Amino acid sequence: MVQAYILIQTEVGKASTVAETISELPGVIQAEDVTGPYDVIVRAQSDTVDELGRMVVARVQQVDGITRTLTCPVVHL
């Protein structure tokens, strides 16, 4: 199982709507609108890194109002 945080920048005034929409996607554990340089932070999981990448490109980045994403896989050192 691979988990990652997805940091999302949105259009002005869209953070709440984006977080709500993304929270319903398969593989998303949690989606919260936050303050700071990013507007939404998502915790997601998938079986493989490739599947995680496909989820971000095919589902997350297609949500209306998103301008940029940064995916940060969780590592256990």
N, C-alpha and C. Protein backbone atom coordinates (compact mmCIF):
# COMPACT_ATOMS: atom_id res chain seq x y z
N MET A 1 0.85 -1.18 0.00
CA MET A 1 0.00 0.00 0.00
C MET A 1 0.89 1.24 0.00
N VAL A 2 0.60 2.18 -0.88
CA VAL A 2 1.33 3.44 -1.00
C VAL A 2 0.39 4.56 -0.56
N GLN A 3 0.89 5.43 0.31
CA GLN A 3 0.12 6.60 0.70
C GLN A 3 0.89 7.85 0.33
N ALA A 4 0.16 8.95 0.10
CA ALA A 4 0.80 10.21 -0.26
C ALA A 4 -0.07 11.38 0.19
N TYR A 5 0.59 12.50 0.38
CA TYR A 5 -0.10 13.77 0.55
C TYR A 5 -0.09 14.47 -0.79
N ILE A 6 -1.21 15.01 -1.18
CA ILE A 6 -1.31 15.77 -2.43
C ILE A 6 -1.62 17.21 -2.03
N LEU A 7 -0.68 18.10 -2.32
CA LEU A 7 -0.84 19.52 -2.00
C LEU A 7 -1.42 20.21 -3.22
N ILE A 8 -2.49 20.96 -3.03
CA ILE A 8 -3.24 21.49 -4.16
C ILE A 8 -3.40 23.01 -4.04
N GLN A 9 -3.14 23.69 -5.14
CA GLN A 9 -3.47 25.11 -5.26
C GLN A 9 -4.72 25.21 -6.12
N THR A 10 -5.62 26.12 -5.71
CA THR A 10 -6.89 26.27 -6.42
C THR A 10 -7.08 27.70 -6.89
N GLU A 11 -8.08 27.88 -7.73
CA GLU A 11 -8.51 29.23 -8.08
C GLU A 11 -9.08 29.89 -6.84
N VAL A 12 -9.05 31.20 -6.80
CA VAL A 12 -9.55 31.95 -5.64
C VAL A 12 -11.01 31.57 -5.37
N GLY A 13 -11.29 31.25 -4.10
CA GLY A 13 -12.65 30.94 -3.68
C GLY A 13 -13.11 29.52 -3.98
N LYS A 14 -12.23 28.66 -4.49
CA LYS A 14 -12.65 27.31 -4.88
C LYS A 14 -12.19 26.21 -3.91
N ALA A 15 -11.41 26.55 -2.88
CA ALA A 15 -10.79 25.54 -2.02
C ALA A 15 -11.83 24.61 -1.38
N SER A 16 -12.88 25.15 -0.83
CA SER A 16 -13.88 24.34 -0.15
C SER A 16 -14.56 23.37 -1.11
N THR A 17 -14.92 23.85 -2.28
CA THR A 17 -15.58 23.01 -3.29
C THR A 17 -14.64 21.92 -3.78
N VAL A 18 -13.37 22.27 -4.02
CA VAL A 18 -12.38 21.29 -4.47
C VAL A 18 -12.20 20.21 -3.41
N ALA A 19 -12.03 20.60 -2.14
CA ALA A 19 -11.84 19.63 -1.07
C ALA A 19 -13.03 18.68 -0.96
N GLU A 20 -14.23 19.23 -1.07
CA GLU A 20 -15.44 18.40 -0.98
C GLU A 20 -15.53 17.41 -2.14
N THR A 21 -15.23 17.87 -3.34
CA THR A 21 -15.28 17.00 -4.52
C THR A 21 -14.24 15.90 -4.43
N ILE A 22 -13.01 16.26 -4.07
CA ILE A 22 -11.93 15.28 -4.00
C ILE A 22 -12.16 14.26 -2.90
N SER A 23 -12.79 14.66 -1.81
CA SER A 23 -13.02 13.73 -0.69
C SER A 23 -13.88 12.54 -1.10
N GLU A 24 -14.62 12.68 -2.19
CA GLU A 24 -15.50 11.60 -2.65
C GLU A 24 -14.82 10.65 -3.64
N LEU A 25 -13.58 10.96 -4.06
CA LEU A 25 -12.89 10.12 -5.04
C LEU A 25 -12.38 8.83 -4.40
N PRO A 26 -12.40 7.73 -5.13
CA PRO A 26 -11.85 6.48 -4.61
C PRO A 26 -10.36 6.63 -4.32
N GLY A 27 -9.91 6.12 -3.20
CA GLY A 27 -8.50 6.19 -2.82
C GLY A 27 -8.17 7.37 -1.95
N VAL A 28 -9.09 8.31 -1.81
CA VAL A 28 -8.84 9.49 -0.97
C VAL A 28 -9.26 9.15 0.46
N ILE A 29 -8.31 9.32 1.38
CA ILE A 29 -8.57 9.08 2.80
C ILE A 29 -9.17 10.32 3.44
N GLN A 30 -8.60 11.48 3.10
CA GLN A 30 -9.04 12.73 3.70
C GLN A 30 -8.69 13.89 2.79
N ALA A 31 -9.52 14.91 2.75
CA ALA A 31 -9.25 16.13 2.00
C ALA A 31 -9.70 17.31 2.84
N GLU A 32 -8.78 18.25 3.06
CA GLU A 32 -9.08 19.40 3.92
C GLU A 32 -8.66 20.69 3.24
N ASP A 33 -9.48 21.73 3.36
CA ASP A 33 -9.02 23.04 2.89
C ASP A 33 -8.24 23.69 4.03
N VAL A 34 -7.11 24.31 3.67
CA VAL A 34 -6.16 24.84 4.65
C VAL A 34 -5.74 26.25 4.23
N THR A 35 -4.99 26.92 5.12
CA THR A 35 -4.40 28.21 4.78
C THR A 35 -2.92 28.02 4.49
N GLY A 36 -2.32 28.97 3.81
CA GLY A 36 -0.90 28.89 3.48
C GLY A 36 -0.71 28.86 1.97
N PRO A 37 0.47 28.39 1.53
CA PRO A 37 0.76 28.41 0.09
C PRO A 37 -0.10 27.42 -0.71
N TYR A 38 -0.66 26.42 -0.04
CA TYR A 38 -1.57 25.48 -0.69
C TYR A 38 -2.95 25.66 -0.10
N ASP A 39 -3.96 25.35 -0.90
CA ASP A 39 -5.34 25.59 -0.48
C ASP A 39 -6.04 24.33 0.03
N VAL A 40 -5.60 23.16 -0.47
CA VAL A 40 -6.20 21.89 -0.08
C VAL A 40 -5.07 20.89 0.11
N ILE A 41 -5.16 20.09 1.17
CA ILE A 41 -4.22 18.98 1.36
C ILE A 41 -5.03 17.69 1.43
N VAL A 42 -4.61 16.73 0.61
CA VAL A 42 -5.30 15.45 0.49
C VAL A 42 -4.38 14.34 0.95
N ARG A 43 -4.91 13.37 1.67
CA ARG A 43 -4.17 12.14 1.96
C ARG A 43 -4.85 11.04 1.15
N ALA A 44 -4.06 10.35 0.34
CA ALA A 44 -4.61 9.33 -0.56
C ALA A 44 -3.78 8.05 -0.44
N GLN A 45 -4.37 6.96 -0.90
CA GLN A 45 -3.65 5.68 -0.90
C GLN A 45 -4.04 4.87 -2.12
N SER A 46 -3.10 4.00 -2.52
CA SER A 46 -3.34 3.09 -3.63
C SER A 46 -2.43 1.88 -3.44
N ASP A 47 -2.62 0.88 -4.28
CA ASP A 47 -1.83 -0.35 -4.16
C ASP A 47 -0.40 -0.17 -4.65
N THR A 48 -0.19 0.67 -5.67
CA THR A 48 1.15 0.87 -6.23
C THR A 48 1.39 2.35 -6.51
N VAL A 49 2.67 2.70 -6.71
CA VAL A 49 3.01 4.08 -7.06
C VAL A 49 2.41 4.45 -8.41
N ASP A 50 2.43 3.51 -9.35
CA ASP A 50 1.85 3.78 -10.67
C ASP A 50 0.36 4.07 -10.57
N GLU A 51 -0.33 3.30 -9.76
CA GLU A 51 -1.76 3.51 -9.58
C GLU A 51 -2.02 4.87 -8.92
N LEU A 52 -1.18 5.25 -7.98
CA LEU A 52 -1.30 6.56 -7.34
C LEU A 52 -1.12 7.67 -8.37
N GLY A 53 -0.12 7.53 -9.22
CA GLY A 53 0.11 8.53 -10.27
C GLY A 53 -1.07 8.65 -11.21
N ARG A 54 -1.64 7.51 -11.59
CA ARG A 54 -2.82 7.54 -12.47
C ARG A 54 -4.00 8.21 -11.79
N MET A 55 -4.16 7.97 -10.49
CA MET A 55 -5.26 8.58 -9.75
C MET A 55 -5.10 10.11 -9.76
N VAL A 56 -3.89 10.59 -9.52
CA VAL A 56 -3.67 12.03 -9.49
C VAL A 56 -3.94 12.65 -10.85
N VAL A 57 -3.39 12.06 -11.90
CA VAL A 57 -3.55 12.64 -13.24
C VAL A 57 -4.97 12.48 -13.77
N ALA A 58 -5.55 11.30 -13.61
CA ALA A 58 -6.86 11.01 -14.22
C ALA A 58 -8.04 11.53 -13.41
N ARG A 59 -7.88 11.63 -12.10
CA ARG A 59 -9.03 12.02 -11.28
C ARG A 59 -8.83 13.36 -10.59
N VAL A 60 -7.78 13.47 -9.80
CA VAL A 60 -7.59 14.68 -8.99
C VAL A 60 -7.39 15.91 -9.86
N GLN A 61 -6.46 15.86 -10.80
CA GLN A 61 -6.16 17.04 -11.60
C GLN A 61 -7.31 17.45 -12.53
N GLN A 62 -8.29 16.60 -12.69
CA GLN A 62 -9.44 16.93 -13.54
C GLN A 62 -10.54 17.67 -12.80
N VAL A 63 -10.40 17.81 -11.47
CA VAL A 63 -11.42 18.51 -10.69
C VAL A 63 -11.38 20.00 -11.03
N ASP A 64 -12.54 20.56 -11.30
CA ASP A 64 -12.65 21.96 -11.67
C ASP A 64 -12.15 22.86 -10.53
N GLY A 65 -11.32 23.85 -10.88
CA GLY A 65 -10.83 24.81 -9.90
C GLY A 65 -9.40 24.58 -9.45
N ILE A 66 -8.79 23.45 -9.81
CA ILE A 66 -7.42 23.17 -9.42
C ILE A 66 -6.47 23.81 -10.43
N THR A 67 -5.44 24.49 -9.91
CA THR A 67 -4.44 25.10 -10.78
C THR A 67 -3.11 24.36 -10.74
N ARG A 68 -2.79 23.69 -9.63
CA ARG A 68 -1.50 22.99 -9.51
C ARG A 68 -1.57 21.96 -8.40
N THR A 69 -0.87 20.83 -8.60
CA THR A 69 -0.76 19.80 -7.55
C THR A 69 0.70 19.44 -7.34
N LEU A 70 1.00 18.98 -6.12
CA LEU A 70 2.31 18.45 -5.78
C LEU A 70 2.07 17.20 -4.95
N THR A 71 2.54 16.05 -5.44
CA THR A 71 2.31 14.78 -4.75
C THR A 71 3.54 14.40 -3.94
N CYS A 72 3.35 14.12 -2.66
CA CYS A 72 4.44 13.79 -1.75
C CYS A 72 4.18 12.41 -1.14
N PRO A 73 4.81 11.36 -1.69
CA PRO A 73 4.61 10.02 -1.15
C PRO A 73 5.13 9.92 0.29
N VAL A 74 4.44 9.15 1.10
CA VAL A 74 4.85 8.90 2.47
C VAL A 74 5.92 7.82 2.47
N VAL A 75 7.02 8.07 3.19
CA VAL A 75 8.09 7.07 3.30
C VAL A 75 8.28 6.74 4.77
N HIS A 76 8.70 5.53 5.02
CA HIS A 76 8.97 5.10 6.40
C HIS A 76 10.45 4.73 6.47
N LEU A 77 11.25 5.62 7.03
CA LEU A 77 12.70 5.43 7.09
C LEU A 77 13.11 4.71 8.35
